[in-house]
Protein backbone atom coordinates (compact mmCIF):
# COMPACT_ATOMS: atom_id res chain seq x y z
CA MET A 1 89.19 214.08 96.31
CA ILE A 2 92.07 215.89 97.74
CA ARG A 3 95.83 215.62 97.51
CA TYR A 4 97.18 215.05 101.23
CA GLN A 5 99.77 217.46 102.14
CA GLU A 6 101.64 217.65 105.35
CA GLY A 7 100.15 220.16 107.60
CA LEU A 8 96.74 219.35 106.06
CA LYS A 9 94.44 219.66 109.03
CA PHE A 10 91.82 216.86 110.04
CA GLU A 11 89.00 218.99 109.88
CA GLU A 12 89.78 219.32 105.81
CA MET A 13 89.78 215.60 105.47
CA ILE A 14 86.34 215.04 106.79
CA ASN A 15 83.85 213.59 104.00
CA GLN A 16 86.74 213.45 101.56
CA VAL A 17 88.43 211.06 99.40
CA ILE A 18 92.14 211.69 100.46
CA TRP A 19 95.11 210.55 97.71
CA GLY A 20 98.37 210.10 99.35
CA ASP A 21 100.48 207.99 101.20
CA CYS A 22 98.30 205.61 103.44
CA LEU A 23 100.88 205.92 106.48
CA GLU A 24 101.52 209.62 106.06
CA VAL A 25 97.65 210.30 105.74
CA MET A 26 96.53 208.07 108.81
CA LYS A 27 99.20 209.24 111.09
CA ALA A 28 97.53 212.96 110.78
CA ILE A 29 94.27 211.45 111.72
CA PRO A 30 93.17 211.28 115.58
CA ASP A 31 92.85 208.05 117.28
CA LYS A 32 89.39 206.38 116.99
CA SER A 33 87.91 209.05 114.47
CA ILE A 34 87.00 206.90 111.56
CA ASP A 35 83.96 204.97 110.95
CA MET A 36 85.21 202.94 108.10
CA ILE A 37 88.19 202.19 105.97
CA ILE A 38 88.04 200.47 102.39
CA THR A 39 91.31 198.71 101.24
CA SER A 40 92.66 196.38 99.05
CA PRO A 41 96.27 195.83 99.89
CA PRO A 42 98.49 194.75 96.81
CA TYR A 43 99.85 191.26 96.71
CA PHE A 44 103.89 190.83 97.38
CA GLY A 45 105.68 191.00 94.08
CA LEU A 46 102.57 191.09 91.67
CA ARG A 47 102.25 194.41 90.32
CA ALA A 48 104.14 197.63 89.82
CA TYR A 49 102.17 200.72 89.38
CA LEU A 50 104.61 203.64 89.25
CA PRO A 51 107.55 204.10 86.67
CA LYS A 52 110.69 203.25 87.69
CA ASN A 53 111.91 206.81 88.18
CA HIS A 54 108.84 208.14 89.78
CA PRO A 55 109.86 209.89 93.18
CA ASP A 56 107.35 207.95 95.17
CA LYS A 57 108.49 204.45 93.76
CA LYS A 58 110.00 203.55 97.08
CA LYS A 59 106.92 203.89 98.81
CA GLU A 60 105.01 201.50 96.58
CA ILE A 61 103.66 198.42 98.61
CA GLY A 62 104.28 194.80 97.18
CA LEU A 63 107.90 195.46 95.79
CA GLU A 64 109.60 194.68 99.10
CA SER A 65 112.63 192.30 98.52
CA SER A 66 111.05 189.59 100.86
CA MET A 67 107.56 188.07 101.95
CA GLU A 68 108.69 189.09 105.65
CA GLU A 69 109.50 192.83 104.66
CA HIS A 70 106.21 192.95 102.90
CA ILE A 71 104.07 191.59 105.69
CA LYS A 72 106.08 193.91 108.01
CA VAL A 73 104.83 196.80 105.76
CA LEU A 74 101.33 195.61 105.93
CA LEU A 75 101.39 195.25 109.72
CA GLU A 76 102.62 198.78 110.23
CA ILE A 77 99.59 200.08 107.87
CA PHE A 78 96.96 197.89 109.73
CA LYS A 79 98.26 199.00 113.22
CA GLU A 80 97.37 202.64 112.12
CA VAL A 81 94.18 201.22 110.56
CA LYS A 82 93.22 199.95 114.10
CA ARG A 83 94.32 203.04 115.69
CA VAL A 84 92.15 205.46 113.66
CA LEU A 85 89.03 203.12 113.72
């Protein structure tokens, strides 16, 4: 497992489990270069994983202010999923 950092080359990601924000990571991956993605998106408003003062709290999916905003975030993610597959 490797933690994603800006500037990480795609070649360094091959055959790795990558720990990072899904949008940031996928934006660093070339089009149609992934064979499989396994995901389990969080439900809206159901669970919070990070403590309130965590620096990545604003990136946490599922804590949006409305269902519409939650769906918008998921659509943005799955647009990138489609691009890299």
